[in-house]
Amino acid sequence: MEITMLYYLIPSLIMFCCGVYGFITRRNMIAILISLELMLNSVDINFAVFNRFLFPGELEGMFFTLFAIGIAAAETALAIAIIINVFRVSEKIDVRDVNKMKF
Protein backbone atom coordinates (compact mmCIF):
# COMPACT_ATOMS: atom_id res chain seq x y z
CA MET A 1 0.00 0.00 0.00
CA GLU A 2 1.42 3.33 -1.07
CA ILE A 3 1.33 6.26 1.32
CA THR A 4 -0.08 9.25 -0.52
CA MET A 5 -0.05 12.92 0.32
CA LEU A 6 -3.53 12.72 1.84
CA TYR A 7 -2.25 10.64 4.76
CA TYR A 8 -0.31 13.72 5.85
CA LEU A 9 -2.60 16.52 4.69
CA ILE A 10 -5.77 15.31 6.41
CA PRO A 11 -4.23 15.34 9.94
CA SER A 12 -2.63 18.68 9.12
CA LEU A 13 -6.02 20.06 8.07
CA ILE A 14 -7.60 18.75 11.27
CA MET A 15 -4.83 20.37 13.33
CA PHE A 16 -5.29 23.68 11.53
CA CYS A 17 -9.08 23.63 11.99
CA CYS A 18 -8.70 22.83 15.70
CA GLY A 19 -6.27 25.74 16.00
CA VAL A 20 -8.65 28.15 14.26
CA TYR A 21 -11.54 26.98 16.44
CA GLY A 22 -9.48 27.40 19.61
CA PHE A 23 -8.21 30.82 18.51
CA ILE A 24 -11.73 32.09 17.85
CA THR A 25 -13.53 30.59 20.85
CA ARG A 26 -11.00 30.90 23.70
CA ARG A 27 -10.65 33.97 25.88
CA ASN A 28 -7.58 32.87 27.85
CA MET A 29 -4.36 34.29 26.39
CA ILE A 30 -2.41 31.07 26.97
CA ALA A 31 -5.09 29.01 25.18
CA ILE A 32 -5.04 31.45 22.27
CA LEU A 33 -1.25 31.14 22.08
CA ILE A 34 -1.47 27.34 22.07
CA SER A 35 -4.06 27.46 19.29
CA LEU A 36 -1.81 29.74 17.26
CA GLU A 37 1.12 27.36 17.73
CA LEU A 38 -1.09 24.47 16.60
CA MET A 39 -1.85 26.33 13.37
CA LEU A 40 1.84 27.09 12.81
CA ASN A 41 2.79 23.43 13.32
CA SER A 42 0.14 22.43 10.80
CA VAL A 43 1.73 24.75 8.25
CA ASP A 44 5.15 23.27 9.03
CA ILE A 45 3.82 19.79 8.28
CA ASN A 46 2.49 21.08 4.95
CA PHE A 47 5.88 22.57 4.07
CA ALA A 48 7.62 19.25 4.69
CA VAL A 49 4.98 17.14 2.91
CA PHE A 50 4.81 19.26 -0.22
CA ASN A 51 8.59 19.36 -0.38
CA ARG A 52 8.80 15.58 -0.06
CA PHE A 53 6.19 14.78 -2.69
CA LEU A 54 6.72 17.59 -5.22
CA PHE A 55 10.50 18.00 -5.06
CA PRO A 56 11.95 14.81 -3.50
CA GLY A 57 15.59 15.72 -4.12
CA GLU A 58 15.39 19.27 -2.79
CA LEU A 59 15.41 20.54 0.80
CA GLU A 60 13.80 23.98 0.52
CA GLY A 61 10.63 22.88 2.31
CA MET A 62 12.66 21.44 5.16
CA PHE A 63 14.64 24.67 5.50
CA PHE A 64 11.42 26.69 5.52
CA THR A 65 10.10 24.38 8.23
CA LEU A 66 13.20 24.81 10.38
CA PHE A 67 13.07 28.58 9.91
CA ALA A 68 9.37 28.63 10.83
CA ILE A 69 10.03 26.57 13.97
CA GLY A 70 12.71 29.07 15.03
CA ILE A 71 10.40 32.03 14.40
CA ALA A 72 7.58 30.27 16.30
CA ALA A 73 9.88 29.72 19.29
CA ALA A 74 10.84 33.41 19.37
CA GLU A 75 7.21 34.43 18.96
CA THR A 76 6.16 32.17 21.82
CA ALA A 77 8.82 33.56 24.15
CA LEU A 78 7.76 37.12 23.36
CA ALA A 79 4.06 36.33 23.77
CA ILE A 80 4.62 34.63 27.13
CA ALA A 81 6.62 37.66 28.32
CA ILE A 82 3.74 39.94 27.33
CA ILE A 83 1.22 37.66 29.04
CA ILE A 84 3.29 37.64 32.25
CA ASN A 85 3.45 41.44 32.25
CA VAL A 86 -0.31 41.70 31.69
CA PHE A 87 -0.88 39.24 34.54
CA ARG A 88 1.37 41.22 36.88
CA VAL A 89 -0.64 44.37 36.31
CA SER A 90 -4.21 43.13 36.07
CA GLU A 91 -3.93 39.67 37.70
CA LYS A 92 -6.07 38.26 34.88
CA ILE A 93 -5.19 36.80 31.51
CA ASP A 94 -8.66 36.97 30.03
CA VAL A 95 -8.67 38.78 26.71
CA ARG A 96 -11.93 40.58 27.49
CA ASP A 97 -10.39 42.22 30.58
CA VAL A 98 -7.44 43.69 28.70
CA ASN A 99 -8.70 46.82 26.94
CA LYS A 100 -5.47 48.76 26.50
CA MET A 101 -1.82 47.78 26.11
CA LYS A 102 -0.33 50.58 28.23
CA PHE A 103 -1.19 50.29 31.93
PDB file of N, CA and C in Angstrom:
ATOM      1  N   MET A   1       0.842  -1.182   0.000  1.00  0.00           N
ATOM      2  CA  MET A   1       0.000   0.000   0.000  1.00  0.00           C
ATOM      3  C   MET A   1       0.882   1.238   0.000  1.00  0.00           C
ATOM      4  N   GLU A   2       0.623   2.120  -0.925  1.00  0.00           N
ATOM      5  CA  GLU A   2       1.425   3.327  -1.073  1.00  0.00           C
ATOM      6  C   GLU A   2       0.864   4.451  -0.206  1.00  0.00           C
ATOM      7  N   ILE A   3       1.750   5.129   0.486  1.00  0.00           N
ATOM      8  CA  ILE A   3       1.331   6.258   1.318  1.00  0.00           C
ATOM      9  C   ILE A   3       1.276   7.499   0.432  1.00  0.00           C
ATOM     10  N   THR A   4       0.096   8.072   0.315  1.00  0.00           N
ATOM     11  CA  THR A   4      -0.076   9.254  -0.518  1.00  0.00           C
ATOM     12  C   THR A   4      -0.008  10.509   0.335  1.00  0.00           C
ATOM     13  N   MET A   5      -0.134  11.642  -0.350  1.00  0.00           N
ATOM     14  CA  MET A   5      -0.045  12.923   0.325  1.00  0.00           C
ATOM     15  C   MET A   5      -1.218  13.141   1.280  1.00  0.00           C
ATOM     16  N   LEU A   6      -2.355  12.524   0.992  1.00  0.00           N
ATOM     17  CA  LEU A   6      -3.535  12.724   1.838  1.00  0.00           C
ATOM     18  C   LEU A   6      -3.349  12.200   3.257  1.00  0.00           C
ATOM     19  N   TYR A   7      -2.503  11.173   3.427  1.00  0.00           N
ATOM     20  CA  TYR A   7      -2.253  10.640   4.764  1.00  0.00           C
ATOM     21  C   TYR A   7      -1.585  11.676   5.675  1.00  0.00           C
ATOM     22  N   TYR A   8      -0.946  12.660   5.079  1.00  0.00           N
ATOM     23  CA  TYR A   8      -0.308  13.725   5.851  1.00  0.00           C
ATOM     24  C   TYR A   8      -1.154  14.997   5.877  1.00  0.00           C
ATOM     25  N   LEU A   9      -1.857  15.272   4.780  1.00  0.00           N
ATOM     26  CA  LEU A   9      -2.595  16.517   4.689  1.00  0.00           C
ATOM     27  C   LEU A   9      -3.889  16.518   5.504  1.00  0.00           C
ATOM     28  N   ILE A  10      -4.530  15.375   5.624  1.00  0.00           N
ATOM     29  CA  ILE A  10      -5.766  15.307   6.406  1.00  0.00           C
ATOM     30  C   ILE A  10      -5.506  15.601   7.888  1.00  0.00           C
ATOM     31  N   PRO A  11      -4.517  14.958   8.540  1.00  0.00           N
ATOM     32  CA  PRO A  11      -4.234  15.342   9.945  1.00  0.00           C
ATOM     33  C   PRO A  11      -3.784  16.797  10.079  1.00  0.00           C
ATOM     34  N   SER A  12      -3.050  17.288   9.079  1.00  0.00           N
ATOM     35  CA  SER A  12      -2.632  18.682   9.115  1.00  0.00           C
ATOM     36  C   SER A  12      -3.834  19.614   9.018  1.00  0.00           C
ATOM     37  N   LEU A  13      -4.801  19.271   8.182  1.00  0.00           N
ATOM     38  CA  LEU A  13      -6.016  20.064   8.069  1.00  0.00           C
ATOM     39  C   LEU A  13      -6.818  20.031   9.367  1.00  0.00           C
ATOM     40  N   ILE A  14      -6.889  18.875   9.991  1.00  0.00           N
ATOM     41  CA  ILE A  14      -7.603  18.752  11.270  1.00  0.00           C
ATOM     42  C   ILE A  14      -6.911  19.591  12.343  1.00  0.00           C
ATOM     43  N   MET A  15      -5.571  19.556  12.375  1.00  0.00           N
ATOM     44  CA  MET A  15      -4.835  20.374  13.329  1.00  0.00           C
ATOM     45  C   MET A  15      -5.095  21.855  13.103  1.00  0.00           C
ATOM     46  N   PHE A  16      -5.076  22.268  11.844  1.00  0.00           N
ATOM     47  CA  PHE A  16      -5.289  23.679  11.535  1.00  0.00           C
ATOM     48  C   PHE A  16      -6.697  24.120  11.929  1.00  0.00           C
ATOM     49  N   CYS A  17      -7.691  23.289  11.629  1.00  0.00           N
ATOM     50  CA  CYS A  17      -9.077  23.628  11.987  1.00  0.00           C
ATOM     51  C   CYS A  17      -9.259  23.687  13.499  1.00  0.00           C
ATOM     52  N   CYS A  18      -8.633  22.779  14.230  1.00  0.00           N
ATOM     53  CA  CYS A  18      -8.698  22.832  15.700  1.00  0.00           C
ATOM     54  C   CYS A  18      -8.039  24.104  16.223  1.00  0.00           C
ATOM     55  N   GLY A  19      -6.938  24.507  15.603  1.00  0.00           N
ATOM     56  CA  GLY A  19      -6.272  25.740  16.004  1.00  0.00           C
ATOM     57  C   GLY A  19      -7.120  26.969  15.742  1.00  0.00           C
ATOM     58  N   VAL A  20      -7.774  27.015  14.578  1.00  0.00           N
ATOM     59  CA  VAL A  20      -8.649  28.150  14.264  1.00  0.00           C
ATOM     60  C   VAL A  20      -9.826  28.199  15.233  1.00  0.00           C
ATOM     61  N   TYR A  21     -10.422  27.040  15.501  1.00  0.00           N
ATOM     62  CA  TYR A  21     -11.545  26.978  16.438  1.00  0.00           C
ATOM     63  C   TYR A  21     -11.118  27.454  17.832  1.00  0.00           C
ATOM     64  N   GLY A  22      -9.969  26.985  18.302  1.00  0.00           N
ATOM     65  CA  GLY A  22      -9.481  27.401  19.609  1.00  0.00           C
ATOM     66  C   GLY A  22      -9.137  28.877  19.651  1.00  0.00           C
ATOM     67  N   PHE A  23      -8.577  29.404  18.567  1.00  0.00           N
ATOM     68  CA  PHE A  23      -8.212  30.819  18.512  1.00  0.00           C
ATOM     69  C   PHE A  23      -9.447  31.708  18.557  1.00  0.00           C
ATOM     70  N   ILE A  24     -10.511  31.276  17.907  1.00  0.00           N
ATOM     71  CA  ILE A  24     -11.726  32.088  17.852  1.00  0.00           C
ATOM     72  C   ILE A  24     -12.536  31.986  19.136  1.00  0.00           C
ATOM     73  N   THR A  25     -12.620  30.799  19.725  1.00  0.00           N
ATOM     74  CA  THR A  25     -13.532  30.594  20.847  1.00  0.00           C
ATOM     75  C   THR A  25     -12.914  30.842  22.215  1.00  0.00           C
ATOM     76  N   ARG A  26     -11.620  30.752  22.376  1.00  0.00           N
ATOM     77  CA  ARG A  26     -11.000  30.897  23.698  1.00  0.00           C
ATOM     78  C   ARG A  26     -10.839  32.354  24.077  1.00  0.00           C
ATOM     79  N   ARG A  27     -10.872  32.622  25.363  1.00  0.00           N
ATOM     80  CA  ARG A  27     -10.648  33.969  25.879  1.00  0.00           C
ATOM     81  C   ARG A  27      -9.384  34.051  26.730  1.00  0.00           C
ATOM     82  N   ASN A  28      -8.805  32.918  27.071  1.00  0.00           N
ATOM     83  CA  ASN A  28      -7.578  32.871  27.854  1.00  0.00           C
ATOM     84  C   ASN A  28      -6.398  33.084  26.909  1.00  0.00           C
ATOM     85  N   MET A  29      -5.483  33.971  27.272  1.00  0.00           N
ATOM     86  CA  MET A  29      -4.361  34.291  26.386  1.00  0.00           C
ATOM     87  C   MET A  29      -3.450  33.086  26.137  1.00  0.00           C
ATOM     88  N   ILE A  30      -3.256  32.254  27.133  1.00  0.00           N
ATOM     89  CA  ILE A  30      -2.412  31.068  26.965  1.00  0.00           C
ATOM     90  C   ILE A  30      -3.066  30.085  25.990  1.00  0.00           C
ATOM     91  N   ALA A  31      -4.374  29.901  26.102  1.00  0.00           N
ATOM     92  CA  ALA A  31      -5.086  29.006  25.181  1.00  0.00           C
ATOM     93  C   ALA A  31      -5.047  29.540  23.757  1.00  0.00           C
ATOM     94  N   ILE A  32      -5.140  30.853  23.598  1.00  0.00           N
ATOM     95  CA  ILE A  32      -5.037  31.452  22.270  1.00  0.00           C
ATOM     96  C   ILE A  32      -3.647  31.230  21.703  1.00  0.00           C
ATOM     97  N   LEU A  33      -2.625  31.366  22.526  1.00  0.00           N
ATOM     98  CA  LEU A  33      -1.249  31.138  22.082  1.00  0.00           C
ATOM     99  C   LEU A  33      -1.033  29.677  21.671  1.00  0.00           C
ATOM    100  N   ILE A  34      -1.586  28.751  22.425  1.00  0.00           N
ATOM    101  CA  ILE A  34      -1.466  27.338  22.073  1.00  0.00           C
ATOM    102  C   ILE A  34      -2.175  27.043  20.763  1.00  0.00           C
ATOM    103  N   SER A  35      -3.333  27.655  20.552  1.00  0.00           N
ATOM    104  CA  SER A  35      -4.057  27.465  19.293  1.00  0.00           C
ATOM    105  C   SER A  35      -3.269  28.025  18.114  1.00  0.00           C
ATOM    106  N   LEU A  36      -2.635  29.157  18.316  1.00  0.00           N
ATOM    107  CA  LEU A  36      -1.808  29.739  17.262  1.00  0.00           C
ATOM    108  C   LEU A  36      -0.618  28.837  16.936  1.00  0.00           C
ATOM    109  N   GLU A  37       0.002  28.272  17.953  1.00  0.00           N
ATOM    110  CA  GLU A  37       1.120  27.355  17.727  1.00  0.00           C
ATOM    111  C   GLU A  37       0.664  26.088  17.008  1.00  0.00           C
ATOM    112  N   LEU A  38      -0.538  25.629  17.291  1.00  0.00           N
ATOM    113  CA  LEU A  38      -1.089  24.472  16.601  1.00  0.00           C
ATOM    114  C   LEU A  38      -1.254  24.760  15.115  1.00  0.00           C
ATOM    115  N   MET A  39      -1.712  25.955  14.789  1.00  0.00           N
ATOM    116  CA  MET A  39      -1.847  26.332  13.375  1.00  0.00           C
ATOM    117  C   MET A  39      -0.480  26.421  12.697  1.00  0.00           C
ATOM    118  N   LEU A  40       0.501  26.987  13.394  1.00  0.00           N
ATOM    119  CA  LEU A  40       1.842  27.093  12.810  1.00  0.00           C
ATOM    120  C   LEU A  40       2.471  25.721  12.586  1.00  0.00           C
ATOM    121  N   ASN A  41       2.259  24.781  13.503  1.00  0.00           N
ATOM    122  CA  ASN A  41       2.788  23.432  13.325  1.00  0.00           C
ATOM    123  C   ASN A  41       2.111  22.716  12.167  1.00  0.00           C
ATOM    124  N   SER A  42       0.844  22.997  11.941  1.00  0.00           N
ATOM    125  CA  SER A  42       0.142  22.428  10.798  1.00  0.00           C
ATOM    126  C   SER A  42       0.757  22.927   9.488  1.00  0.00           C
ATOM    127  N   VAL A  43       1.084  24.195   9.443  1.00  0.00           N
ATOM    128  CA  VAL A  43       1.726  24.750   8.250  1.00  0.00           C
ATOM    129  C   VAL A  43       3.112  24.144   8.053  1.00  0.00           C
ATOM    130  N   ASP A  44       3.838  23.914   9.127  1.00  0.00           N
ATOM    131  CA  ASP A  44       5.154  23.273   9.030  1.00  0.00           C
ATOM    132  C   ASP A  44       5.049  21.869   8.442  1.00  0.00           C
ATOM    133  N   ILE A  45       4.035  21.127   8.846  1.00  0.00           N
ATOM    134  CA  ILE A  45       3.816  19.795   8.278  1.00  0.00           C
ATOM    135  C   ILE A  45       3.565  19.903   6.781  1.00  0.00           C
ATOM    136  N   ASN A  46       2.768  20.895   6.381  1.00  0.00           N
ATOM    137  CA  ASN A  46       2.494  21.075   4.952  1.00  0.00           C
ATOM    138  C   ASN A  46       3.758  21.413   4.171  1.00  0.00           C
ATOM    139  N   PHE A  47       4.620  22.261   4.726  1.00  0.00           N
ATOM    140  CA  PHE A  47       5.884  22.574   4.070  1.00  0.00           C
ATOM    141  C   PHE A  47       6.687  21.299   3.804  1.00  0.00           C
ATOM    142  N   ALA A  48       6.821  20.473   4.815  1.00  0.00           N
ATOM    143  CA  ALA A  48       7.617  19.254   4.686  1.00  0.00           C
ATOM    144  C   ALA A  48       6.978  18.259   3.717  1.00  0.00           C
ATOM    145  N   VAL A  49       5.660  18.113   3.768  1.00  0.00           N
ATOM    146  CA  VAL A  49       4.977  17.144   2.909  1.00  0.00           C
ATOM    147  C   VAL A  49       5.047  17.563   1.450  1.00  0.00           C
ATOM    148  N   PHE A  50       4.759  18.823   1.167  1.00  0.00           N
ATOM    149  CA  PHE A  50       4.809  19.265  -0.222  1.00  0.00           C
ATOM    150  C   PHE A  50       6.225  19.215  -0.775  1.00  0.00           C
ATOM    151  N   ASN A  51       7.208  19.489   0.068  1.00  0.00           N
ATOM    152  CA  ASN A  51       8.591  19.363  -0.382  1.00  0.00           C
ATOM    153  C   ASN A  51       8.925  17.912  -0.711  1.00  0.00           C
ATOM    154  N   ARG A  52       8.489  17.009   0.128  1.00  0.00           N
ATOM    155  CA  ARG A  52       8.805  15.580  -0.061  1.00  0.00           C
ATOM    156  C   ARG A  52       8.157  15.011  -1.306  1.00  0.00           C
ATOM    157  N   PHE A  53       6.908  15.381  -1.570  1.00  0.00           N
ATOM    158  CA  PHE A  53       6.191  14.782  -2.689  1.00  0.00           C
ATOM    159  C   PHE A  53       6.385  15.525  -4.005  1.00  0.00           C
ATOM    160  N   LEU A  54       6.577  16.836  -3.972  1.00  0.00           N
ATOM    161  CA  LEU A  54       6.723  17.586  -5.219  1.00  0.00           C
ATOM    162  C   LEU A  54       8.176  17.697  -5.674  1.00  0.00           C
ATOM    163  N   PHE A  55       9.080  17.859  -4.733  1.00  0.00           N
ATOM    164  CA  PHE A  55      10.502  17.999  -5.060  1.00  0.00           C
ATOM    165  C   PHE A  55      11.309  17.075  -4.155  1.00  0.00           C
ATOM    166  N   PRO A  56      11.332  15.766  -4.446  1.00  0.00           N
ATOM    167  CA  PRO A  56      11.953  14.810  -3.504  1.00  0.00           C
ATOM    168  C   PRO A  56      13.456  15.004  -3.309  1.00  0.00           C
ATOM    169  N   GLY A  57      14.149  15.555  -4.267  1.00  0.00           N
ATOM    170  CA  GLY A  57      15.590  15.717  -4.121  1.00  0.00           C
ATOM    171  C   GLY A  57      16.006  17.029  -3.499  1.00  0.00           C
ATOM    172  N   GLU A  58      15.081  17.931  -3.302  1.00  0.00           N
ATOM    173  CA  GLU A  58      15.388  19.268  -2.792  1.00  0.00           C
ATOM    174  C   GLU A  58      15.056  19.358  -1.305  1.00  0.00           C
ATOM    175  N   LEU A  59      15.619  20.380  -0.646  1.00  0.00           N
ATOM    176  CA  LEU A  59      15.409  20.544   0.800  1.00  0.00           C
ATOM    177  C   LEU A  59      14.846  21.902   1.177  1.00  0.00           C
ATOM    178  N   GLU A  60      14.297  22.645   0.204  1.00  0.00           N
ATOM    179  CA  GLU A  60      13.799  23.980   0.524  1.00  0.00           C
ATOM    180  C   GLU A  60      12.654  23.939   1.527  1.00  0.00           C
ATOM    181  N   GLY A  61      11.747  22.997   1.373  1.00  0.00           N
ATOM    182  CA  GLY A  61      10.626  22.883   2.308  1.00  0.00           C
ATOM    183  C   GLY A  61      11.097  22.579   3.718  1.00  0.00           C
ATOM    184  N   MET A  62      12.124  21.752   3.831  1.00  0.00           N
ATOM    185  CA  MET A  62      12.661  21.438   5.159  1.00  0.00           C
ATOM    186  C   MET A  62      13.322  22.664   5.794  1.00  0.00           C
ATOM    187  N   PHE A  63      14.014  23.457   4.970  1.00  0.00           N
ATOM    188  CA  PHE A  63      14.639  24.667   5.500  1.00  0.00           C
ATOM    189  C   PHE A  63      13.579  25.687   5.918  1.00  0.00           C
ATOM    190  N   PHE A  64      12.513  25.809   5.130  1.00  0.00           N
ATOM    191  CA  PHE A  64      11.415  26.693   5.524  1.00  0.00           C
ATOM    192  C   PHE A  64      10.797  26.224   6.830  1.00  0.00           C
ATOM    193  N   THR A  65      10.674  24.922   6.997  1.00  0.00           N
ATOM    194  CA  THR A  65      10.104  24.378   8.228  1.00  0.00           C
ATOM    195  C   THR A  65      10.995  24.694   9.424  1.00  0.00           C
ATOM    196  N   LEU A  66      12.288  24.494   9.283  1.00  0.00           N
ATOM    197  CA  LEU A  66      13.204  24.811  10.385  1.00  0.00           C
ATOM    198  C   LEU A  66      13.187  26.300  10.716  1.00  0.00           C
ATOM    199  N   PHE A  67      13.136  27.131   9.692  1.00  0.00           N
ATOM    200  CA  PHE A  67      13.069  28.575   9.906  1.00  0.00           C
ATOM    201  C   PHE A  67      11.765  28.946  10.616  1.00  0.00           C
ATOM    202  N   ALA A  68      10.666  28.349  10.207  1.00  0.00           N
ATOM    203  CA  ALA A  68       9.365  28.635  10.829  1.00  0.00           C
ATOM    204  C   ALA A  68       9.333  28.167  12.283  1.00  0.00           C
ATOM    205  N   ILE A  69       9.974  27.051  12.586  1.00  0.00           N
ATOM    206  CA  ILE A  69      10.034  26.573  13.970  1.00  0.00           C
ATOM    207  C   ILE A  69      10.827  27.563  14.839  1.00  0.00           C
ATOM    208  N   GLY A  70      11.917  28.080  14.296  1.00  0.00           N
ATOM    209  CA  GLY A  70      12.706  29.073  15.031  1.00  0.00           C
ATOM    210  C   GLY A  70      11.933  30.358  15.271  1.00  0.00           C
ATOM    211  N   ILE A  71      11.222  30.821  14.257  1.00  0.00           N
ATOM    212  CA  ILE A  71      10.401  32.026  14.404  1.00  0.00           C
ATOM    213  C   ILE A  71       9.280  31.782  15.405  1.00  0.00           C
ATOM    214  N   ALA A  72       8.667  30.596  15.371  1.00  0.00           N
ATOM    215  CA  ALA A  72       7.583  30.269  16.304  1.00  0.00           C
ATOM    216  C   ALA A  72       8.094  30.240  17.740  1.00  0.00           C
ATOM    217  N   ALA A  73       9.310  29.747  17.943  1.00  0.00           N
ATOM    218  CA  ALA A  73       9.876  29.723  19.294  1.00  0.00           C
ATOM    219  C   ALA A  73      10.109  31.144  19.812  1.00  0.00           C
ATOM    220  N   ALA A  74      10.629  32.022  18.959  1.00  0.00           N
ATOM    221  CA  ALA A  74      10.841  33.411  19.369  1.00  0.00           C
ATOM    222  C   ALA A  74       9.512  34.108  19.627  1.00  0.00           C
ATOM    223  N   GLU A  75       8.524  33.836  18.784  1.00  0.00           N
ATOM    224  CA  GLU A  75       7.205  34.434  18.955  1.00  0.00           C
ATOM    225  C   GLU A  75       6.554  33.964  20.253  1.00  0.00           C
ATOM    226  N   THR A  76       6.724  32.699  20.588  1.00  0.00           N
ATOM    227  CA  THR A  76       6.157  32.166  21.820  1.00  0.00           C
ATOM    228  C   THR A  76       6.817  32.796  23.044  1.00  0.00           C
ATOM    229  N   ALA A  77       8.122  32.946  23.015  1.00  0.00           N
ATOM    230  CA  ALA A  77       8.822  33.562  24.147  1.00  0.00           C
ATOM    231  C   ALA A  77       8.370  35.003  24.348  1.00  0.00           C
ATOM    232  N   LEU A  78       8.219  35.735  23.266  1.00  0.00           N
ATOM    233  CA  LEU A  78       7.764  37.120  23.363  1.00  0.00           C
ATOM    234  C   LEU A  78       6.322  37.192  23.859  1.00  0.00           C
ATOM    235  N   ALA A  79       5.465  36.326  23.354  1.00  0.00           N
ATOM    236  CA  ALA A  79       4.056  36.327  23.767  1.00  0.00           C
ATOM    237  C   ALA A  79       3.919  35.966  25.245  1.00  0.00           C
ATOM    238  N   ILE A  80       4.692  35.005  25.717  1.00  0.00           N
ATOM    239  CA  ILE A  80       4.625  34.632  27.128  1.00  0.00           C
ATOM    240  C   ILE A  80       5.129  35.775  28.011  1.00  0.00           C
ATOM    241  N   ALA A  81       6.147  36.500  27.563  1.00  0.00           N
ATOM    242  CA  ALA A  81       6.620  37.658  28.322  1.00  0.00           C
ATOM    243  C   ALA A  81       5.542  38.731  28.401  1.00  0.00           C
ATOM    244  N   ILE A  82       4.827  38.962  27.316  1.00  0.00           N
ATOM    245  CA  ILE A  82       3.739  39.945  27.332  1.00  0.00           C
ATOM    246  C   ILE A  82       2.617  39.479  28.255  1.00  0.00           C
ATOM    247  N   ILE A  83       2.283  38.192  28.187  1.00  0.00           N
ATOM    248  CA  ILE A  83       1.220  37.658  29.037  1.00  0.00           C
ATOM    249  C   ILE A  83       1.592  37.770  30.511  1.00  0.00           C
ATOM    250  N   ILE A  84       2.843  37.509  30.857  1.00  0.00           N
ATOM    251  CA  ILE A  84       3.288  37.636  32.250  1.00  0.00           C
ATOM    252  C   ILE A  84       3.180  39.081  32.719  1.00  0.00           C
ATOM    253  N   ASN A  85       3.566  40.031  31.869  1.00  0.00           N
ATOM    254  CA  ASN A  85       3.449  41.442  32.253  1.00  0.00           C
ATOM    255  C   ASN A  85       1.997  41.875  32.410  1.00  0.00           C
ATOM    256  N   VAL A  86       1.118  41.393  31.549  1.00  0.00           N
ATOM    257  CA  VAL A  86      -0.305  41.701  31.694  1.00  0.00           C
ATOM    258  C   VAL A  86      -0.839  41.102  32.987  1.00  0.00           C
ATOM    259  N   PHE A  87      -0.421  39.892  33.310  1.00  0.00           N
ATOM    260  CA  PHE A  87      -0.876  39.245  34.539  1.00  0.00           C
ATOM    261  C   PHE A  87      -0.374  39.981  35.778  1.00  0.00           C
ATOM    262  N   ARG A  88       0.843  40.484  35.729  1.00  0.00           N
ATOM    263  CA  ARG A  88       1.374  41.223  36.883  1.00  0.00           C
ATOM    264  C   ARG A  88       0.568  42.483  37.168  1.00  0.00           C
ATOM    265  N   VAL A  89       0.087  43.121  36.116  1.00  0.00           N
ATOM    266  CA  VAL A  89      -0.639  44.373  36.306  1.00  0.00           C
ATOM    267  C   VAL A  89      -2.097  44.125  36.659  1.00  0.00           C
ATOM    268  N   SER A  90      -2.765  43.279  35.888  1.00  0.00           N
ATOM    269  CA  SER A  90      -4.211  43.130  36.074  1.00  0.00           C
ATOM    270  C   SER A  90      -4.614  41.858  36.803  1.00  0.00           C
ATOM    271  N   GLU A  91      -3.695  40.957  37.035  1.00  0.00           N
ATOM    272  CA  GLU A  91      -3.934  39.669  37.698  1.00  0.00           C
ATOM    273  C   GLU A  91      -4.990  38.826  36.995  1.00  0.00           C
ATOM    274  N   LYS A  92      -5.171  39.056  35.707  1.00  0.00           N
ATOM    275  CA  LYS A  92      -6.074  38.263  34.884  1.00  0.00           C
ATOM    276  C   LYS A  92      -5.425  38.107  33.515  1.00  0.00           C
ATOM    277  N   ILE A  93      -5.691  36.973  32.873  1.00  0.00           N
ATOM    278  CA  ILE A  93      -5.194  36.797  31.506  1.00  0.00           C
ATOM    279  C   ILE A  93      -6.341  36.544  30.547  1.00  0.00           C
ATOM    280  N   ASP A  94      -7.507  37.056  30.908  1.00  0.00           N
ATOM    281  CA  ASP A  94      -8.661  36.967  30.033  1.00  0.00           C
ATOM    282  C   ASP A  94      -8.586  38.104  29.015  1.00  0.00           C
ATOM    283  N   VAL A  95      -8.807  37.788  27.762  1.00  0.00           N
ATOM    284  CA  VAL A  95      -8.672  38.780  26.707  1.00  0.00           C
ATOM    285  C   VAL A  95      -9.710  39.892  26.859  1.00  0.00           C
ATOM    286  N   ARG A  96     -10.875  39.573  27.344  1.00  0.00           N
ATOM    287  CA  ARG A  96     -11.927  40.578  27.493  1.00  0.00           C
ATOM    288  C   ARG A  96     -11.585  41.622  28.548  1.00  0.00           C
ATOM    289  N   ASP A  97     -10.749  41.286  29.512  1.00  0.00           N
ATOM    290  CA  ASP A  97     -10.393  42.217  30.582  1.00  0.00           C
ATOM    291  C   ASP A  97      -9.265  43.171  30.188  1.00  0.00           C
ATOM    292  N   VAL A  98      -8.543  42.844  29.152  1.00  0.00           N
ATOM    293  CA  VAL A  98      -7.444  43.694  28.705  1.00  0.00           C
ATOM    294  C   VAL A  98      -7.991  44.600  27.620  1.00  0.00           C
ATOM    295  N   ASN A  99      -8.144  45.895  27.928  1.00  0.00           N
ATOM    296  CA  ASN A  99      -8.701  46.817  26.944  1.00  0.00           C
ATOM    297  C   ASN A  99      -7.702  47.838  26.433  1.00  0.00           C
ATOM    298  N   LYS A 100      -6.510  47.877  27.013  1.00  0.00           N
ATOM    299  CA  LYS A 100      -5.468  48.763  26.503  1.00  0.00           C
ATOM    300  C   LYS A 100      -4.121  48.119  26.810  1.00  0.00           C
ATOM    301  N   MET A 101      -3.127  48.402  25.964  1.00  0.00           N
ATOM    302  CA  MET A 101      -1.817  47.776  26.114  1.00  0.00           C
ATOM    303  C   MET A 101      -0.956  48.521  27.137  1.00  0.00           C
ATOM    304  N   LYS A 102      -1.135  49.824  27.283  1.00  0.00           N
ATOM    305  CA  LYS A 102      -0.329  50.584  28.231  1.00  0.00           C
ATOM    306  C   LYS A 102      -1.095  50.706  29.530  1.00  0.00           C
ATOM    307  N   PHE A 103      -0.495  50.257  30.634  1.00  0.00           N
ATOM    308  CA  PHE A 103      -1.191  50.285  31.931  1.00  0.00           C
ATOM    309  C   PHE A 103      -0.704  51.451  32.749  1.00  0.00           C
TER     310      PHE A 103
END
